[in-house]
Amino acid sequence: MAHYFGFEPSEKLKQLIEEAAQVEASDEHVEYYKYRDALTHQTARDLIDNLLVGLVEIIPNPERQAAMRKTVGTIEKAADTLLNILLNKENNEDVMPSFHFLRDQATFIDNEGVSRVGYQLSESAAQTITEGFAAVTPEHVDTVKFKTALETMNDETLTHFISHYAETLKLGMFKRKSVPVTKAVIDKGMNMALTKLLPDLPNDSMNRLAEYYRPFIVEKAE
């Protein structure tokens, strides 16, 4: 069995995915980079919404909710800044690797036949995540295991959608060096949010949080 991380795309992202596929299939004489850029930005927004919105909604304290929303805003700005640096006007041939990545390595079909935005997890990451989620029950919560699972899920996702995706872009040395720096900033912000949040959550909130994230992990026959 293989494990995947993934979520159903927003309606806007669905539309952009369909438009990009139609443009590539039609072989029209249009500039592909515009479609790639819109698709990339919306994928980043969908990722942040799915990974972090659940945290905000689970927090029982209004002040902490406000602080978490501020953290989400900081992460969104960091992601937008990185993408604005990386994405440039390019000829269609140079855009194709990014198109193919978003089509072939950033989506999959789940067990119900629904197309999701996501990727296949490594065996070690899948084990850490599933064990961490299983450590959250109404009777007992192992906060350390659960936090490790969430950190692993976040790091694997950022690595795939930032580091691996950036490999498909035609970048100079300066821009290439900006990728791990920005990824580290986003990763730190997400882990800091977890560190501040989890110790203060009661068991019922931890269980709601686990229930929010569990559907993102899909087990499929290879």
C-alpha atoms as a PDB file:
ATOM      1  CA  MET A   1       0.000   0.000   0.000  1.00  0.00           C
ATOM      2  CA  ALA A   2       1.090   3.554  -0.692  1.00  0.00           C
ATOM      3  CA  HIS A   3       0.195   6.652   1.295  1.00  0.00           C
ATOM      4  CA  TYR A   4      -0.562  10.047  -0.200  1.00  0.00           C
ATOM      5  CA  PHE A   5      -1.085  13.526   1.172  1.00  0.00           C
ATOM      6  CA  GLY A   6      -3.775  15.424  -0.669  1.00  0.00           C
ATOM      7  CA  PHE A   7      -6.870  17.601  -0.599  1.00  0.00           C
ATOM      8  CA  GLU A   8      -9.636  18.510  -2.998  1.00  0.00           C
ATOM      9  CA  PRO A   9      -8.775  21.718  -4.846  1.00  0.00           C
ATOM     10  CA  SER A  10     -10.868  24.845  -4.496  1.00  0.00           C
ATOM     11  CA  GLU A  11     -13.199  25.713  -7.354  1.00  0.00           C
ATOM     12  CA  LYS A  12     -10.770  28.396  -8.517  1.00  0.00           C
ATOM     13  CA  LEU A  13      -7.863  25.953  -8.556  1.00  0.00           C
ATOM     14  CA  LYS A  14      -9.969  23.352 -10.398  1.00  0.00           C
ATOM     15  CA  GLN A  15     -10.738  25.930 -13.068  1.00  0.00           C
ATOM     16  CA  LEU A  16      -7.066  26.892 -13.444  1.00  0.00           C
ATOM     17  CA  ILE A  17      -6.006  23.234 -13.696  1.00  0.00           C
ATOM     18  CA  GLU A  18      -8.581  22.654 -16.449  1.00  0.00           C
ATOM     19  CA  GLU A  19      -7.530  25.809 -18.312  1.00  0.00           C
ATOM     20  CA  ALA A  20      -3.847  24.848 -18.216  1.00  0.00           C
ATOM     21  CA  ALA A  21      -4.632  21.332 -19.457  1.00  0.00           C
ATOM     22  CA  GLN A  22      -6.770  22.681 -22.301  1.00  0.00           C
ATOM     23  CA  VAL A  23      -4.109  25.163 -23.366  1.00  0.00           C
ATOM     24  CA  GLU A  24      -1.418  22.496 -23.451  1.00  0.00           C
ATOM     25  CA  ALA A  25      -3.627  19.981 -25.296  1.00  0.00           C
ATOM     26  CA  SER A  26      -4.786  22.520 -27.899  1.00  0.00           C
ATOM     27  CA  ASP A  27      -1.221  23.559 -28.778  1.00  0.00           C
ATOM     28  CA  GLU A  28      -2.438  27.133 -29.157  1.00  0.00           C
ATOM     29  CA  HIS A  29       0.057  29.894 -29.845  1.00  0.00           C
ATOM     30  CA  VAL A  30      -0.298  31.493 -26.412  1.00  0.00           C
ATOM     31  CA  GLU A  31       2.159  32.233 -23.632  1.00  0.00           C
ATOM     32  CA  TYR A  32       2.070  29.291 -21.234  1.00  0.00           C
ATOM     33  CA  TYR A  33       3.871  31.069 -18.402  1.00  0.00           C
ATOM     34  CA  LYS A  34       0.775  33.133 -17.566  1.00  0.00           C
ATOM     35  CA  TYR A  35      -1.225  29.951 -16.933  1.00  0.00           C
ATOM     36  CA  ARG A  36       1.637  28.383 -14.974  1.00  0.00           C
ATOM     37  CA  ASP A  37       1.984  31.463 -12.756  1.00  0.00           C
ATOM     38  CA  ALA A  38      -1.737  31.655 -11.951  1.00  0.00           C
ATOM     39  CA  LEU A  39      -1.840  27.921 -11.255  1.00  0.00           C
ATOM     40  CA  THR A  40       1.224  28.075  -9.008  1.00  0.00           C
ATOM     41  CA  HIS A  41      -0.047  30.998  -6.925  1.00  0.00           C
ATOM     42  CA  GLN A  42      -3.466  29.410  -6.417  1.00  0.00           C
ATOM     43  CA  THR A  43      -1.929  26.047  -5.498  1.00  0.00           C
ATOM     44  CA  ALA A  44       0.098  27.833  -2.797  1.00  0.00           C
ATOM     45  CA  ARG A  45      -3.042  29.536  -1.467  1.00  0.00           C
ATOM     46  CA  ASP A  46      -4.937  26.251  -1.377  1.00  0.00           C
ATOM     47  CA  LEU A  47      -2.073  24.571   0.464  1.00  0.00           C
ATOM     48  CA  ILE A  48      -1.886  27.254   3.138  1.00  0.00           C
ATOM     49  CA  ASP A  49      -5.667  27.261   3.556  1.00  0.00           C
ATOM     50  CA  ASN A  50      -5.807  23.493   4.028  1.00  0.00           C
ATOM     51  CA  LEU A  51      -2.765  23.162   6.282  1.00  0.00           C
ATOM     52  CA  LEU A  52      -3.402  26.137   8.565  1.00  0.00           C
ATOM     53  CA  VAL A  53      -7.071  27.135   8.530  1.00  0.00           C
ATOM     54  CA  GLY A  54      -7.889  24.062  10.607  1.00  0.00           C
ATOM     55  CA  LEU A  55      -5.524  25.253  13.302  1.00  0.00           C
ATOM     56  CA  VAL A  56      -7.245  28.628  13.527  1.00  0.00           C
ATOM     57  CA  GLU A  57     -10.709  27.109  13.763  1.00  0.00           C
ATOM     58  CA  ILE A  58      -9.727  24.685  16.529  1.00  0.00           C
ATOM     59  CA  ILE A  59      -8.285  27.331  18.878  1.00  0.00           C
ATOM     60  CA  PRO A  60     -10.786  28.093  21.660  1.00  0.00           C
ATOM     61  CA  ASN A  61      -9.160  31.382  22.737  1.00  0.00           C
ATOM     62  CA  PRO A  62     -10.026  34.458  20.580  1.00  0.00           C
ATOM     63  CA  GLU A  63      -6.663  36.132  21.308  1.00  0.00           C
ATOM     64  CA  ARG A  64      -4.782  33.034  20.219  1.00  0.00           C
ATOM     65  CA  GLN A  65      -6.987  32.828  17.130  1.00  0.00           C
ATOM     66  CA  ALA A  66      -5.944  36.362  16.226  1.00  0.00           C
ATOM     67  CA  ALA A  67      -2.284  35.491  16.768  1.00  0.00           C
ATOM     68  CA  MET A  68      -2.635  32.404  14.563  1.00  0.00           C
ATOM     69  CA  ARG A  69      -4.289  34.426  11.805  1.00  0.00           C
ATOM     70  CA  LYS A  70      -1.322  36.796  11.957  1.00  0.00           C
ATOM     71  CA  THR A  71       1.027  33.833  11.568  1.00  0.00           C
ATOM     72  CA  VAL A  72      -0.986  32.601   8.579  1.00  0.00           C
ATOM     73  CA  GLY A  73      -0.753  36.065   7.023  1.00  0.00           C
ATOM     74  CA  THR A  74       3.032  36.082   7.476  1.00  0.00           C
ATOM     75  CA  ILE A  75       3.342  32.683   5.809  1.00  0.00           C
ATOM     76  CA  GLU A  76       1.105  33.775   2.918  1.00  0.00           C
ATOM     77  CA  LYS A  77       3.275  36.861   2.340  1.00  0.00           C
ATOM     78  CA  ALA A  78       6.472  34.774   2.427  1.00  0.00           C
ATOM     79  CA  ALA A  79       5.032  32.340  -0.116  1.00  0.00           C
ATOM     80  CA  ASP A  80       3.859  35.137  -2.419  1.00  0.00           C
ATOM     81  CA  THR A  81       7.242  36.857  -2.184  1.00  0.00           C
ATOM     82  CA  LEU A  82       9.060  33.654  -3.116  1.00  0.00           C
ATOM     83  CA  LEU A  83       6.786  32.965  -6.076  1.00  0.00           C
ATOM     84  CA  ASN A  84       7.094  36.527  -7.357  1.00  0.00           C
ATOM     85  CA  ILE A  85      10.873  36.097  -7.300  1.00  0.00           C
ATOM     86  CA  LEU A  86      10.880  32.710  -8.999  1.00  0.00           C
ATOM     87  CA  LEU A  87       8.197  33.086 -11.657  1.00  0.00           C
ATOM     88  CA  ASN A  88       9.189  35.058 -14.744  1.00  0.00           C
ATOM     89  CA  LYS A  89       8.201  35.396 -18.360  1.00  0.00           C
ATOM     90  CA  GLU A  90       9.605  32.377 -20.174  1.00  0.00           C
ATOM     91  CA  ASN A  91       9.178  30.693 -23.511  1.00  0.00           C
ATOM     92  CA  ASN A  92       6.738  27.800 -23.735  1.00  0.00           C
ATOM     93  CA  GLU A  93       9.433  25.142 -23.952  1.00  0.00           C
ATOM     94  CA  ASP A  94      10.915  26.227 -20.604  1.00  0.00           C
ATOM     95  CA  VAL A  95       7.476  26.263 -18.959  1.00  0.00           C
ATOM     96  CA  MET A  96       6.623  22.661 -19.900  1.00  0.00           C
ATOM     97  CA  PRO A  97       8.566  20.968 -17.026  1.00  0.00           C
ATOM     98  CA  SER A  98       6.510  22.982 -14.513  1.00  0.00           C
ATOM     99  CA  PHE A  99       3.269  22.107 -16.290  1.00  0.00           C
ATOM    100  CA  HIS A 100       4.207  18.435 -16.233  1.00  0.00           C
ATOM    101  CA  PHE A 101       5.139  18.561 -12.542  1.00  0.00           C
ATOM    102  CA  LEU A 102       1.823  20.146 -11.580  1.00  0.00           C
ATOM    103  CA  ARG A 103      -0.058  17.630 -13.726  1.00  0.00           C
ATOM    104  CA  ASP A 104       1.856  14.410 -12.995  1.00  0.00           C
ATOM    105  CA  GLN A 105       3.499  14.894  -9.590  1.00  0.00           C
ATOM    106  CA  ALA A 106       1.168  17.281  -7.775  1.00  0.00           C
ATOM    107  CA  THR A 107      -2.186  15.579  -8.303  1.00  0.00           C
ATOM    108  CA  PHE A 108      -3.577  12.081  -7.840  1.00  0.00           C
ATOM    109  CA  ILE A 109      -6.900  10.238  -7.912  1.00  0.00           C
ATOM    110  CA  ASP A 110      -8.139   9.007  -4.530  1.00  0.00           C
ATOM    111  CA  ASN A 111     -10.033   5.783  -3.786  1.00  0.00           C
ATOM    112  CA  GLU A 112     -13.379   7.429  -4.605  1.00  0.00           C
ATOM    113  CA  GLY A 113     -12.171   8.593  -8.011  1.00  0.00           C
ATOM    114  CA  VAL A 114     -11.804  12.218  -6.898  1.00  0.00           C
ATOM    115  CA  SER A 115      -8.841  14.225  -8.166  1.00  0.00           C
ATOM    116  CA  ARG A 116      -6.781  15.709  -5.348  1.00  0.00           C
ATOM    117  CA  VAL A 117      -3.868  18.101  -5.171  1.00  0.00           C
ATOM    118  CA  GLY A 118      -1.091  16.158  -3.465  1.00  0.00           C
ATOM    119  CA  TYR A 119       1.731  13.654  -3.751  1.00  0.00           C
ATOM    120  CA  GLN A 120       2.926  10.242  -2.593  1.00  0.00           C
ATOM    121  CA  LEU A 121       4.560  10.176   0.844  1.00  0.00           C
ATOM    122  CA  SER A 122       7.750   8.282   1.548  1.00  0.00           C
ATOM    123  CA  GLU A 123       7.279   5.140   3.637  1.00  0.00           C
ATOM    124  CA  SER A 124       9.058   6.642   6.645  1.00  0.00           C
ATOM    125  CA  ALA A 125       7.036   9.869   6.534  1.00  0.00           C
ATOM    126  CA  ALA A 126       3.782   7.947   6.114  1.00  0.00           C
ATOM    127  CA  GLN A 127       4.601   5.791   9.146  1.00  0.00           C
ATOM    128  CA  THR A 128       5.425   8.801  11.321  1.00  0.00           C
ATOM    129  CA  ILE A 129       2.236  10.603  10.291  1.00  0.00           C
ATOM    130  CA  THR A 130      -0.132   7.638  10.682  1.00  0.00           C
ATOM    131  CA  GLU A 131       1.374   6.691  14.057  1.00  0.00           C
ATOM    132  CA  GLY A 132       1.062  10.287  15.246  1.00  0.00           C
ATOM    133  CA  PHE A 133      -2.560  10.546  14.203  1.00  0.00           C
ATOM    134  CA  ALA A 134      -3.317   7.179  15.825  1.00  0.00           C
ATOM    135  CA  ALA A 135      -1.850   8.549  19.077  1.00  0.00           C
ATOM    136  CA  VAL A 136      -4.819  10.929  19.393  1.00  0.00           C
ATOM    137  CA  THR A 137      -7.923   9.284  20.855  1.00  0.00           C
ATOM    138  CA  PRO A 138     -10.755  10.489  23.113  1.00  0.00           C
ATOM    139  CA  GLU A 139      -9.150   8.548  25.978  1.00  0.00           C
ATOM    140  CA  HIS A 140      -5.544   9.673  25.554  1.00  0.00           C
ATOM    141  CA  VAL A 141      -3.453  12.114  23.513  1.00  0.00           C
ATOM    142  CA  ASP A 142       0.292  11.715  22.940  1.00  0.00           C
ATOM    143  CA  THR A 143       1.112  15.335  22.142  1.00  0.00           C
ATOM    144  CA  VAL A 144       4.741  14.624  21.213  1.00  0.00           C
ATOM    145  CA  LYS A 145       3.829  11.993  18.612  1.00  0.00           C
ATOM    146  CA  PHE A 146       1.018  14.111  17.224  1.00  0.00           C
ATOM    147  CA  LYS A 147       3.208  17.218  16.925  1.00  0.00           C
ATOM    148  CA  THR A 148       5.911  15.171  15.194  1.00  0.00           C
ATOM    149  CA  ALA A 149       3.306  13.861  12.736  1.00  0.00           C
ATOM    150  CA  LEU A 150       2.107  17.368  11.882  1.00  0.00           C
ATOM    151  CA  GLU A 151       5.660  18.692  11.535  1.00  0.00           C
ATOM    152  CA  THR A 152       6.527  15.784   9.247  1.00  0.00           C
ATOM    153  CA  MET A 153       3.440  16.350   7.111  1.00  0.00           C
ATOM    154  CA  ASN A 154       4.193  20.059   6.816  1.00  0.00           C
ATOM    155  CA  ASP A 155       7.872  19.549   5.990  1.00  0.00           C
ATOM    156  CA  GLU A 156       7.193  16.856   3.385  1.00  0.00           C
ATOM    157  CA  THR A 157       4.565  19.063   1.762  1.00  0.00           C
ATOM    158  CA  LEU A 158       6.783  22.148   1.669  1.00  0.00           C
ATOM    159  CA  THR A 159       9.673  20.102   0.287  1.00  0.00           C
ATOM    160  CA  HIS A 160       7.495  18.752  -2.513  1.00  0.00           C
ATOM    161  CA  PHE A 161       5.672  21.921  -3.482  1.00  0.00           C
ATOM    162  CA  ILE A 162       8.578  24.341  -2.979  1.00  0.00           C
ATOM    163  CA  SER A 163      11.912  22.513  -3.328  1.00  0.00           C
ATOM    164  CA  HIS A 164      10.918  19.876  -5.884  1.00  0.00           C
ATOM    165  CA  TYR A 165       8.752  22.260  -7.879  1.00  0.00           C
ATOM    166  CA  ALA A 166      11.536  24.848  -7.997  1.00  0.00           C
ATOM    167  CA  GLU A 167      13.713  22.262  -9.738  1.00  0.00           C
ATOM    168  CA  THR A 168      11.415  22.543 -12.768  1.00  0.00           C
ATOM    169  CA  LEU A 169      12.017  26.295 -13.061  1.00  0.00           C
ATOM    170  CA  LYS A 170      14.806  27.888 -15.074  1.00  0.00           C
ATOM    171  CA  LEU A 171      16.588  29.862 -12.343  1.00  0.00           C
ATOM    172  CA  GLY A 172      19.851  31.695 -11.953  1.00  0.00           C
ATOM    173  CA  MET A 173      22.154  31.178  -8.981  1.00  0.00           C
ATOM    174  CA  PHE A 174      20.663  33.997  -6.863  1.00  0.00           C
ATOM    175  CA  LYS A 175      17.083  32.856  -7.319  1.00  0.00           C
ATOM    176  CA  ARG A 176      18.012  29.218  -6.776  1.00  0.00           C
ATOM    177  CA  LYS A 177      19.566  30.142  -3.413  1.00  0.00           C
ATOM    178  CA  SER A 178      16.405  31.967  -2.335  1.00  0.00           C
ATOM    179  CA  VAL A 179      14.353  28.736  -2.436  1.00  0.00           C
ATOM    180  CA  PRO A 180      15.717  26.971   0.696  1.00  0.00           C
ATOM    181  CA  VAL A 181      15.887  30.273   2.587  1.00  0.00           C
ATOM    182  CA  THR A 182      12.203  31.046   2.040  1.00  0.00           C
ATOM    183  CA  LYS A 183      11.193  27.430   2.640  1.00  0.00           C
ATOM    184  CA  ALA A 184      12.978  27.595   6.019  1.00  0.00           C
ATOM    185  CA  VAL A 185      11.066  30.786   6.924  1.00  0.00           C
ATOM    186  CA  ILE A 186       7.708  29.200   6.084  1.00  0.00           C
ATOM    187  CA  ASP A 187       8.632  25.952   7.842  1.00  0.00           C
ATOM    188  CA  LYS A 188       9.710  27.832  10.960  1.00  0.00           C
ATOM    189  CA  GLY A 189       6.463  29.803  11.037  1.00  0.00           C
ATOM    190  CA  MET A 190       4.354  26.659  10.777  1.00  0.00           C
ATOM    191  CA  ASN A 191       6.336  24.787  13.430  1.00  0.00           C
ATOM    192  CA  MET A 192       6.258  27.803  15.750  1.00  0.00           C
ATOM    193  CA  ALA A 193       2.483  27.873  15.423  1.00  0.00           C
ATOM    194  CA  LEU A 194       2.289  24.215  16.434  1.00  0.00           C
ATOM    195  CA  THR A 195       4.688  24.693  19.343  1.00  0.00           C
ATOM    196  CA  LYS A 196       2.611  27.533  20.764  1.00  0.00           C
ATOM    197  CA  LEU A 197      -0.736  25.937  20.087  1.00  0.00           C
ATOM    198  CA  LEU A 198      -0.677  22.237  20.954  1.00  0.00           C
ATOM    199  CA  PRO A 199       0.378  22.269  24.632  1.00  0.00           C
ATOM    200  CA  ASP A 200      -2.607  24.462  25.525  1.00  0.00           C
ATOM    201  CA  LEU A 201      -5.296  22.494  23.716  1.00  0.00           C
ATOM    202  CA  PRO A 202      -7.606  20.228  25.724  1.00  0.00           C
ATOM    203  CA  ASN A 203      -8.035  16.635  24.557  1.00  0.00           C
ATOM    204  CA  ASP A 204     -11.317  17.277  22.770  1.00  0.00           C
ATOM    205  CA  SER A 205      -9.732  20.076  20.716  1.00  0.00           C
ATOM    206  CA  MET A 206      -6.760  17.839  19.901  1.00  0.00           C
ATOM    207  CA  ASN A 207      -9.174  15.196  18.675  1.00  0.00           C
ATOM    208  CA  ARG A 208     -10.997  17.739  16.498  1.00  0.00           C
ATOM    209  CA  LEU A 209      -7.657  18.813  15.077  1.00  0.00           C
ATOM    210  CA  ALA A 210      -6.688  15.219  14.304  1.00  0.00           C
ATOM    211  CA  GLU A 211     -10.072  14.628  12.666  1.00  0.00           C
ATOM    212  CA  TYR A 212      -9.480  17.684  10.482  1.00  0.00           C
ATOM    213  CA  TYR A 213      -6.123  16.411   9.196  1.00  0.00           C
ATOM    214  CA  ARG A 214      -6.797  12.651   8.921  1.00  0.00           C
ATOM    215  CA  PRO A 215      -8.712  12.899   5.607  1.00  0.00           C
ATOM    216  CA  PHE A 216      -5.604  14.436   4.000  1.00  0.00           C
ATOM    217  CA  ILE A 217      -3.800  11.075   4.266  1.00  0.00           C
ATOM    218  CA  VAL A 218      -4.988   8.561   1.672  1.00  0.00           C
ATOM    219  CA  GLU A 219      -3.948   4.915   1.565  1.00  0.00           C
ATOM    220  CA  LYS A 220      -4.055   3.360  -1.917  1.00  0.00           C
ATOM    221  CA  ALA A 221      -3.034   0.076  -3.452  1.00  0.00           C
ATOM    222  CA  GLU A 222       0.173   0.488  -5.470  1.00  0.00           C
END
